[in-house]
Amino acid sequence: MKRTKHYDKQIYEKENKIKIAFIVLLAFLIGLYTGLAINYLELQEKDANITEKYIEIDSLKETIDIQQQEIQKLKEEGKVYGFGR
């Protein structure tokens, strides 16, 4: 009988260690998944912002080109002086 109690105690201790390890692993996986999800969402937001900036830059480049063409026309007509270009 004494041997059975000792054996049961060892099994109980091993079960508790396994439960604790499982809980720690589960908490780690939940934290990891949450962190990855948040990182993914932040990267999507940054990517959208970068795309918007590229569109804005392209629009500004087009505006500059149009204005330079207008200045060139005015220079050719002799209506603008002293711009240096």
PDB file of N, CA and C in Angstrom:
ATOM      1  N   MET A   1       0.826  -1.188   0.000  1.00  0.00           N
ATOM      2  CA  MET A   1       0.000   0.000   0.000  1.00  0.00           C
ATOM      3  C   MET A   1       0.873   1.255   0.000  1.00  0.00           C
ATOM      4  N   LYS A   2       1.968   1.171   0.736  1.00  0.00           N
ATOM      5  CA  LYS A   2       2.860   2.320   0.834  1.00  0.00           C
ATOM      6  C   LYS A   2       3.466   2.640  -0.534  1.00  0.00           C
ATOM      7  N   ARG A   3       3.795   1.610  -1.264  1.00  0.00           N
ATOM      8  CA  ARG A   3       4.382   1.798  -2.578  1.00  0.00           C
ATOM      9  C   ARG A   3       3.387   2.452  -3.541  1.00  0.00           C
ATOM     10  N   THR A   4       2.128   2.105  -3.463  1.00  0.00           N
ATOM     11  CA  THR A   4       1.090   2.674  -4.326  1.00  0.00           C
ATOM     12  C   THR A   4       0.919   4.159  -4.046  1.00  0.00           C
ATOM     13  N   LYS A   5       0.950   4.552  -2.787  1.00  0.00           N
ATOM     14  CA  LYS A   5       0.812   5.964  -2.445  1.00  0.00           C
ATOM     15  C   LYS A   5       1.972   6.769  -3.019  1.00  0.00           C
ATOM     16  N   HIS A   6       3.164   6.222  -2.919  1.00  0.00           N
ATOM     17  CA  HIS A   6       4.345   6.908  -3.448  1.00  0.00           C
ATOM     18  C   HIS A   6       4.240   7.026  -4.970  1.00  0.00           C
ATOM     19  N   TYR A   7       3.765   5.975  -5.622  1.00  0.00           N
ATOM     20  CA  TYR A   7       3.606   5.967  -7.067  1.00  0.00           C
ATOM     21  C   TYR A   7       2.547   6.978  -7.491  1.00  0.00           C
ATOM     22  N   ASP A   8       1.411   7.028  -6.766  1.00  0.00           N
ATOM     23  CA  ASP A   8       0.343   7.969  -7.058  1.00  0.00           C
ATOM     24  C   ASP A   8       0.828   9.407  -6.874  1.00  0.00           C
ATOM     25  N   LYS A   9       1.653   9.630  -5.860  1.00  0.00           N
ATOM     26  CA  LYS A   9       2.178  10.964  -5.616  1.00  0.00           C
ATOM     27  C   LYS A   9       3.066  11.401  -6.771  1.00  0.00           C
ATOM     28  N   GLN A  10       3.897  10.505  -7.286  1.00  0.00           N
ATOM     29  CA  GLN A  10       4.759  10.829  -8.420  1.00  0.00           C
ATOM     30  C   GLN A  10       3.926  11.137  -9.670  1.00  0.00           C
ATOM     31  N   ILE A  11       2.909  10.348  -9.902  1.00  0.00           N
ATOM     32  CA  ILE A  11       2.033  10.591 -11.064  1.00  0.00           C
ATOM     33  C   ILE A  11       1.346  11.942 -10.923  1.00  0.00           C
ATOM     34  N   TYR A  12       0.867  12.252  -9.735  1.00  0.00           N
ATOM     35  CA  TYR A  12       0.193  13.523  -9.479  1.00  0.00           C
ATOM     36  C   TYR A  12       1.152  14.699  -9.721  1.00  0.00           C
ATOM     37  N   GLU A  13       2.381  14.594  -9.257  1.00  0.00           N
ATOM     38  CA  GLU A  13       3.369  15.657  -9.458  1.00  0.00           C
ATOM     39  C   GLU A  13       3.700  15.825 -10.942  1.00  0.00           C
ATOM     40  N   LYS A  14       3.830  14.719 -11.671  1.00  0.00           N
ATOM     41  CA  LYS A  14       4.112  14.800 -13.098  1.00  0.00           C
ATOM     42  C   LYS A  14       2.935  15.417 -13.852  1.00  0.00           C
ATOM     43  N   GLU A  15       1.717  15.062 -13.464  1.00  0.00           N
ATOM     44  CA  GLU A  15       0.535  15.644 -14.094  1.00  0.00           C
ATOM     45  C   GLU A  15       0.492  17.161 -13.879  1.00  0.00           C
ATOM     46  N   ASN A  16       0.814  17.578 -12.673  1.00  0.00           N
ATOM     47  CA  ASN A  16       0.818  19.020 -12.383  1.00  0.00           C
ATOM     48  C   ASN A  16       1.889  19.747 -13.207  1.00  0.00           C
ATOM     49  N   LYS A  17       3.066  19.152 -13.329  1.00  0.00           N
ATOM     50  CA  LYS A  17       4.119  19.768 -14.139  1.00  0.00           C
ATOM     51  C   LYS A  17       3.701  19.862 -15.600  1.00  0.00           C
ATOM     52  N   ILE A  18       3.054  18.829 -16.102  1.00  0.00           N
ATOM     53  CA  ILE A  18       2.581  18.846 -17.487  1.00  0.00           C
ATOM     54  C   ILE A  18       1.506  19.910 -17.671  1.00  0.00           C
ATOM     55  N   LYS A  19       0.590  20.038 -16.720  1.00  0.00           N
ATOM     56  CA  LYS A  19      -0.451  21.066 -16.795  1.00  0.00           C
ATOM     57  C   LYS A  19       0.154  22.466 -16.793  1.00  0.00           C
ATOM     58  N   ILE A  20       1.123  22.677 -15.930  1.00  0.00           N
ATOM     59  CA  ILE A  20       1.778  23.987 -15.855  1.00  0.00           C
ATOM     60  C   ILE A  20       2.503  24.283 -17.169  1.00  0.00           C
ATOM     61  N   ALA A  21       3.220  23.300 -17.685  1.00  0.00           N
ATOM     62  CA  ALA A  21       3.933  23.490 -18.957  1.00  0.00           C
ATOM     63  C   ALA A  21       2.946  23.793 -20.080  1.00  0.00           C
ATOM     64  N   PHE A  22       1.821  23.103 -20.089  1.00  0.00           N
ATOM     65  CA  PHE A  22       0.799  23.333 -21.110  1.00  0.00           C
ATOM     66  C   PHE A  22       0.213  24.738 -20.996  1.00  0.00           C
ATOM     67  N   ILE A  23      -0.050  25.183 -19.790  1.00  0.00           N
ATOM     68  CA  ILE A  23      -0.598  26.530 -19.579  1.00  0.00           C
ATOM     69  C   ILE A  23       0.408  27.594 -20.023  1.00  0.00           C
ATOM     70  N   VAL A  24       1.674  27.406 -19.684  1.00  0.00           N
ATOM     71  CA  VAL A  24       2.709  28.356 -20.092  1.00  0.00           C
ATOM     72  C   VAL A  24       2.829  28.378 -21.619  1.00  0.00           C
ATOM     73  N   LEU A  25       2.821  27.210 -22.243  1.00  0.00           N
ATOM     74  CA  LEU A  25       2.898  27.118 -23.699  1.00  0.00           C
ATOM     75  C   LEU A  25       1.690  27.794 -24.351  1.00  0.00           C
ATOM     76  N   LEU A  26       0.522  27.564 -23.814  1.00  0.00           N
ATOM     77  CA  LEU A  26      -0.700  28.172 -24.341  1.00  0.00           C
ATOM     78  C   LEU A  26      -0.648  29.699 -24.219  1.00  0.00           C
ATOM     79  N   ALA A  27      -0.200  30.203 -23.075  1.00  0.00           N
ATOM     80  CA  ALA A  27      -0.082  31.647 -22.885  1.00  0.00           C
ATOM     81  C   ALA A  27       0.936  32.227 -23.877  1.00  0.00           C
ATOM     82  N   PHE A  28       2.034  31.537 -24.076  1.00  0.00           N
ATOM     83  CA  PHE A  28       3.045  31.996 -25.035  1.00  0.00           C
ATOM     84  C   PHE A  28       2.479  32.052 -26.445  1.00  0.00           C
ATOM     85  N   LEU A  29       1.770  31.017 -26.849  1.00  0.00           N
ATOM     86  CA  LEU A  29       1.205  30.981 -28.194  1.00  0.00           C
ATOM     87  C   LEU A  29       0.155  32.071 -28.399  1.00  0.00           C
ATOM     88  N   ILE A  30      -0.655  32.323 -27.388  1.00  0.00           N
ATOM     89  CA  ILE A  30      -1.649  33.391 -27.491  1.00  0.00           C
ATOM     90  C   ILE A  30      -0.951  34.742 -27.625  1.00  0.00           C
ATOM     91  N   GLY A  31       0.057  34.980 -26.833  1.00  0.00           N
ATOM     92  CA  GLY A  31       0.821  36.224 -26.925  1.00  0.00           C
ATOM     93  C   GLY A  31       1.515  36.373 -28.269  1.00  0.00           C
ATOM     94  N   LEU A  32       2.096  35.293 -28.751  1.00  0.00           N
ATOM     95  CA  LEU A  32       2.768  35.322 -30.045  1.00  0.00           C
ATOM     96  C   LEU A  32       1.782  35.642 -31.160  1.00  0.00           C
ATOM     97  N   TYR A  33       0.654  34.977 -31.168  1.00  0.00           N
ATOM     98  CA  TYR A  33      -0.356  35.205 -32.193  1.00  0.00           C
ATOM     99  C   TYR A  33      -0.863  36.642 -32.143  1.00  0.00           C
ATOM    100  N   THR A  34      -1.111  37.152 -30.950  1.00  0.00           N
ATOM    101  CA  THR A  34      -1.585  38.530 -30.803  1.00  0.00           C
ATOM    102  C   THR A  34      -0.544  39.510 -31.331  1.00  0.00           C
ATOM    103  N   GLY A  35       0.712  39.303 -30.979  1.00  0.00           N
ATOM    104  CA  GLY A  35       1.777  40.172 -31.447  1.00  0.00           C
ATOM    105  C   GLY A  35       1.918  40.145 -32.954  1.00  0.00           C
ATOM    106  N   LEU A  36       1.845  38.964 -33.547  1.00  0.00           N
ATOM    107  CA  LEU A  36       1.944  38.852 -35.005  1.00  0.00           C
ATOM    108  C   LEU A  36       0.768  39.525 -35.697  1.00  0.00           C
ATOM    109  N   ALA A  37      -0.430  39.370 -35.141  1.00  0.00           N
ATOM    110  CA  ALA A  37      -1.611  39.996 -35.733  1.00  0.00           C
ATOM    111  C   ALA A  37      -1.503  41.519 -35.686  1.00  0.00           C
ATOM    112  N   ILE A  38      -1.068  42.053 -34.563  1.00  0.00           N
ATOM    113  CA  ILE A  38      -0.920  43.504 -34.428  1.00  0.00           C
ATOM    114  C   ILE A  38       0.157  44.008 -35.388  1.00  0.00           C
ATOM    115  N   ASN A  39       1.264  43.311 -35.476  1.00  0.00           N
ATOM    116  CA  ASN A  39       2.344  43.692 -36.388  1.00  0.00           C
ATOM    117  C   ASN A  39       1.865  43.684 -37.835  1.00  0.00           C
ATOM    118  N   TYR A  40       1.089  42.683 -38.207  1.00  0.00           N
ATOM    119  CA  TYR A  40       0.556  42.590 -39.568  1.00  0.00           C
ATOM    120  C   TYR A  40      -0.348  43.776 -39.874  1.00  0.00           C
ATOM    121  N   LEU A  41      -1.219  44.136 -38.933  1.00  0.00           N
ATOM    122  CA  LEU A  41      -2.115  45.272 -39.140  1.00  0.00           C
ATOM    123  C   LEU A  41      -1.342  46.581 -39.255  1.00  0.00           C
ATOM    124  N   GLU A  42      -0.313  46.755 -38.441  1.00  0.00           N
ATOM    125  CA  GLU A  42       0.508  47.963 -38.519  1.00  0.00           C
ATOM    126  C   GLU A  42       1.238  48.041 -39.850  1.00  0.00           C
ATOM    127  N   LEU A  43       1.726  46.916 -40.352  1.00  0.00           N
ATOM    128  CA  LEU A  43       2.421  46.909 -41.635  1.00  0.00           C
ATOM    129  C   LEU A  43       1.468  47.258 -42.779  1.00  0.00           C
ATOM    130  N   GLN A  44       0.229  46.769 -42.691  1.00  0.00           N
ATOM    131  CA  GLN A  44      -0.758  47.117 -43.714  1.00  0.00           C
ATOM    132  C   GLN A  44      -1.035  48.610 -43.710  1.00  0.00           C
ATOM    133  N   GLU A  45      -1.153  49.188 -42.515  1.00  0.00           N
ATOM    134  CA  GLU A  45      -1.408  50.626 -42.399  1.00  0.00           C
ATOM    135  C   GLU A  45      -0.235  51.426 -42.965  1.00  0.00           C
ATOM    136  N   LYS A  46       0.985  51.016 -42.643  1.00  0.00           N
ATOM    137  CA  LYS A  46       2.166  51.713 -43.162  1.00  0.00           C
ATOM    138  C   LYS A  46       2.243  51.595 -44.678  1.00  0.00           C
ATOM    139  N   ASP A  47       1.922  50.436 -45.209  1.00  0.00           N
ATOM    140  CA  ASP A  47       1.944  50.229 -46.648  1.00  0.00           C
ATOM    141  C   ASP A  47       0.924  51.137 -47.335  1.00  0.00           C
ATOM    142  N   ALA A  48      -0.251  51.278 -46.738  1.00  0.00           N
ATOM    143  CA  ALA A  48      -1.271  52.164 -47.300  1.00  0.00           C
ATOM    144  C   ALA A  48      -0.793  53.613 -47.272  1.00  0.00           C
ATOM    145  N   ASN A  49      -0.142  54.017 -46.189  1.00  0.00           N
ATOM    146  CA  ASN A  49       0.388  55.383 -46.101  1.00  0.00           C
ATOM    147  C   ASN A  49       1.466  55.638 -47.143  1.00  0.00           C
ATOM    148  N   ILE A  50       2.338  54.664 -47.353  1.00  0.00           N
ATOM    149  CA  ILE A  50       3.397  54.804 -48.350  1.00  0.00           C
ATOM    150  C   ILE A  50       2.783  54.939 -49.743  1.00  0.00           C
ATOM    151  N   THR A  51       1.781  54.137 -50.035  1.00  0.00           N
ATOM    152  CA  THR A  51       1.115  54.221 -51.330  1.00  0.00           C
ATOM    153  C   THR A  51       0.492  55.595 -51.535  1.00  0.00           C
ATOM    154  N   GLU A  52      -0.154  56.124 -50.499  1.00  0.00           N
ATOM    155  CA  GLU A  52      -0.743  57.461 -50.584  1.00  0.00           C
ATOM    156  C   GLU A  52       0.330  58.511 -50.841  1.00  0.00           C
ATOM    157  N   LYS A  53       1.473  58.383 -50.192  1.00  0.00           N
ATOM    158  CA  LYS A  53       2.564  59.342 -50.380  1.00  0.00           C
ATOM    159  C   LYS A  53       3.100  59.284 -51.805  1.00  0.00           C
ATOM    160  N   TYR A  54       3.240  58.070 -52.371  1.00  0.00           N
ATOM    161  CA  TYR A  54       3.699  57.945 -53.744  1.00  0.00           C
ATOM    162  C   TYR A  54       2.727  58.617 -54.713  1.00  0.00           C
ATOM    163  N   ILE A  55       1.439  58.435 -54.467  1.00  0.00           N
ATOM    164  CA  ILE A  55       0.433  59.074 -55.313  1.00  0.00           C
ATOM    165  C   ILE A  55       0.536  60.588 -55.200  1.00  0.00           C
ATOM    166  N   GLU A  56       0.708  61.091 -53.981  1.00  0.00           N
ATOM    167  CA  GLU A  56       0.847  62.528 -53.771  1.00  0.00           C
ATOM    168  C   GLU A  56       2.097  63.069 -54.460  1.00  0.00           C
ATOM    169  N   ILE A  57       3.191  62.340 -54.367  1.00  0.00           N
ATOM    170  CA  ILE A  57       4.441  62.762 -55.010  1.00  0.00           C
ATOM    171  C   ILE A  57       4.270  62.804 -56.528  1.00  0.00           C
ATOM    172  N   ASP A  58       3.639  61.772 -57.082  1.00  0.00           N
ATOM    173  CA  ASP A  58       3.411  61.760 -58.524  1.00  0.00           C
ATOM    174  C   ASP A  58       2.543  62.932 -58.956  1.00  0.00           C
ATOM    175  N   SER A  59       1.540  63.241 -58.172  1.00  0.00           N
ATOM    176  CA  SER A  59       0.672  64.375 -58.478  1.00  0.00           C
ATOM    177  C   SER A  59       1.455  65.680 -58.446  1.00  0.00           C
ATOM    178  N   LEU A  60       2.314  65.836 -57.463  1.00  0.00           N
ATOM    179  CA  LEU A  60       3.135  67.046 -57.378  1.00  0.00           C
ATOM    180  C   LEU A  60       4.110  67.149 -58.548  1.00  0.00           C
ATOM    181  N   LYS A  61       4.679  66.017 -58.968  1.00  0.00           N
ATOM    182  CA  LYS A  61       5.580  66.015 -60.118  1.00  0.00           C
ATOM    183  C   LYS A  61       4.836  66.467 -61.379  1.00  0.00           C
ATOM    184  N   GLU A  62       3.629  65.965 -61.542  1.00  0.00           N
ATOM    185  CA  GLU A  62       2.827  66.363 -62.703  1.00  0.00           C
ATOM    186  C   GLU A  62       2.524  67.862 -62.660  1.00  0.00           C
ATOM    187  N   THR A  63       2.200  68.379 -61.489  1.00  0.00           N
ATOM    188  CA  THR A  63       1.917  69.804 -61.340  1.00  0.00           C
ATOM    189  C   THR A  63       3.152  70.631 -61.698  1.00  0.00           C
ATOM    190  N   ILE A  64       4.315  70.204 -61.244  1.00  0.00           N
ATOM    191  CA  ILE A  64       5.567  70.916 -61.555  1.00  0.00           C
ATOM    192  C   ILE A  64       5.815  70.900 -63.058  1.00  0.00           C
ATOM    193  N   ASP A  65       5.625  69.735 -63.684  1.00  0.00           N
ATOM    194  CA  ASP A  65       5.835  69.641 -65.133  1.00  0.00           C
ATOM    195  C   ASP A  65       4.900  70.580 -65.888  1.00  0.00           C
ATOM    196  N   ILE A  66       3.640  70.616 -65.496  1.00  0.00           N
ATOM    197  CA  ILE A  66       2.674  71.500 -66.149  1.00  0.00           C
ATOM    198  C   ILE A  66       3.071  72.955 -65.976  1.00  0.00           C
ATOM    199  N   GLN A  67       3.467  73.328 -64.778  1.00  0.00           N
ATOM    200  CA  GLN A  67       3.866  74.712 -64.528  1.00  0.00           C
ATOM    201  C   GLN A  67       5.133  75.074 -65.300  1.00  0.00           C
ATOM    202  N   GLN A  68       6.072  74.148 -65.406  1.00  0.00           N
ATOM    203  CA  GLN A  68       7.284  74.414 -66.178  1.00  0.00           C
ATOM    204  C   GLN A  68       6.954  74.591 -67.656  1.00  0.00           C
ATOM    205  N   GLN A  69       6.017  73.813 -68.160  1.00  0.00           N
ATOM    206  CA  GLN A  69       5.599  73.954 -69.555  1.00  0.00           C
ATOM    207  C   GLN A  69       4.936  75.312 -69.781  1.00  0.00           C
ATOM    208  N   GLU A  70       4.119  75.745 -68.819  1.00  0.00           N
ATOM    209  CA  GLU A  70       3.466  77.045 -68.918  1.00  0.00           C
ATOM    210  C   GLU A  70       4.499  78.175 -68.891  1.00  0.00           C
ATOM    211  N   ILE A  71       5.492  78.061 -68.033  1.00  0.00           N
ATOM    212  CA  ILE A  71       6.550  79.077 -67.955  1.00  0.00           C
ATOM    213  C   ILE A  71       7.331  79.098 -69.265  1.00  0.00           C
ATOM    214  N   GLN A  72       7.622  77.924 -69.822  1.00  0.00           N
ATOM    215  CA  GLN A  72       8.357  77.854 -71.088  1.00  0.00           C
ATOM    216  C   GLN A  72       7.562  78.524 -72.206  1.00  0.00           C
ATOM    217  N   LYS A  73       6.242  78.311 -72.235  1.00  0.00           N
ATOM    218  CA  LYS A  73       5.400  78.954 -73.245  1.00  0.00           C
ATOM    219  C   LYS A  73       5.449  80.472 -73.090  1.00  0.00           C
ATOM    220  N   LEU A  74       5.344  80.938 -71.848  1.00  0.00           N
ATOM    221  CA  LEU A  74       5.373  82.373 -71.605  1.00  0.00           C
ATOM    222  C   LEU A  74       6.726  82.974 -71.982  1.00  0.00           C
ATOM    223  N   LYS A  75       7.807  82.215 -71.724  1.00  0.00           N
ATOM    224  CA  LYS A  75       9.148  82.692 -72.112  1.00  0.00           C
ATOM    225  C   LYS A  75       9.240  82.804 -73.633  1.00  0.00           C
ATOM    226  N   GLU A  76       8.704  81.813 -74.304  1.00  0.00           N
ATOM    227  CA  GLU A  76       8.750  81.820 -75.766  1.00  0.00           C
ATOM    228  C   GLU A  76       7.935  82.979 -76.340  1.00  0.00           C
ATOM    229  N   GLU A  77       6.865  83.326 -75.660  1.00  0.00           N
ATOM    230  CA  GLU A  77       6.038  84.441 -76.107  1.00  0.00           C
ATOM    231  C   GLU A  77       6.631  85.794 -75.698  1.00  0.00           C
ATOM    232  N   GLY A  78       7.642  85.728 -74.826  1.00  0.00           N
ATOM    233  CA  GLY A  78       8.307  86.942 -74.377  1.00  0.00           C
ATOM    234  C   GLY A  78       7.580  87.659 -73.257  1.00  0.00           C
ATOM    235  N   LYS A  79       6.708  86.955 -72.546  1.00  0.00           N
ATOM    236  CA  LYS A  79       5.938  87.578 -71.479  1.00  0.00           C
ATOM    237  C   LYS A  79       6.579  87.396 -70.096  1.00  0.00           C
ATOM    238  N   VAL A  80       7.576  86.526 -69.980  1.00  0.00           N
ATOM    239  CA  VAL A  80       8.217  86.273 -68.685  1.00  0.00           C
ATOM    240  C   VAL A  80       9.718  86.489 -68.832  1.00  0.00           C
ATOM    241  N   TYR A  81      10.321  87.223 -67.896  1.00  0.00           N
ATOM    242  CA  TYR A  81      11.749  87.516 -67.935  1.00  0.00           C
ATOM    243  C   TYR A  81      12.398  87.172 -66.601  1.00  0.00           C
ATOM    244  N   GLY A  82      13.660  86.734 -66.611  1.00  0.00           N
ATOM    245  CA  GLY A  82      14.460  86.634 -65.414  1.00  0.00           C
ATOM    246  C   GLY A  82      14.221  85.430 -64.516  1.00  0.00           C
ATOM    247  N   PHE A  83      13.751  84.301 -65.036  1.00  0.00           N
ATOM    248  CA  PHE A  83      13.590  83.125 -64.206  1.00  0.00           C
ATOM    249  C   PHE A  83      14.838  82.251 -64.177  1.00  0.00           C
ATOM    250  N   GLY A  84      15.793  82.544 -65.017  1.00  0.00           N
ATOM    251  CA  GLY A  84      17.070  81.835 -64.949  1.00  0.00           C
ATOM    252  C   GLY A  84      17.086  80.487 -65.596  1.00  0.00           C
ATOM    253  N   ARG A  85      15.991  79.884 -65.931  1.00  0.00           N
ATOM    254  CA  ARG A  85      15.976  78.575 -66.590  1.00  0.00           C
ATOM    255  C   ARG A  85      15.573  78.696 -68.031  1.00  0.00           C
TER     256      ARG A  85
END
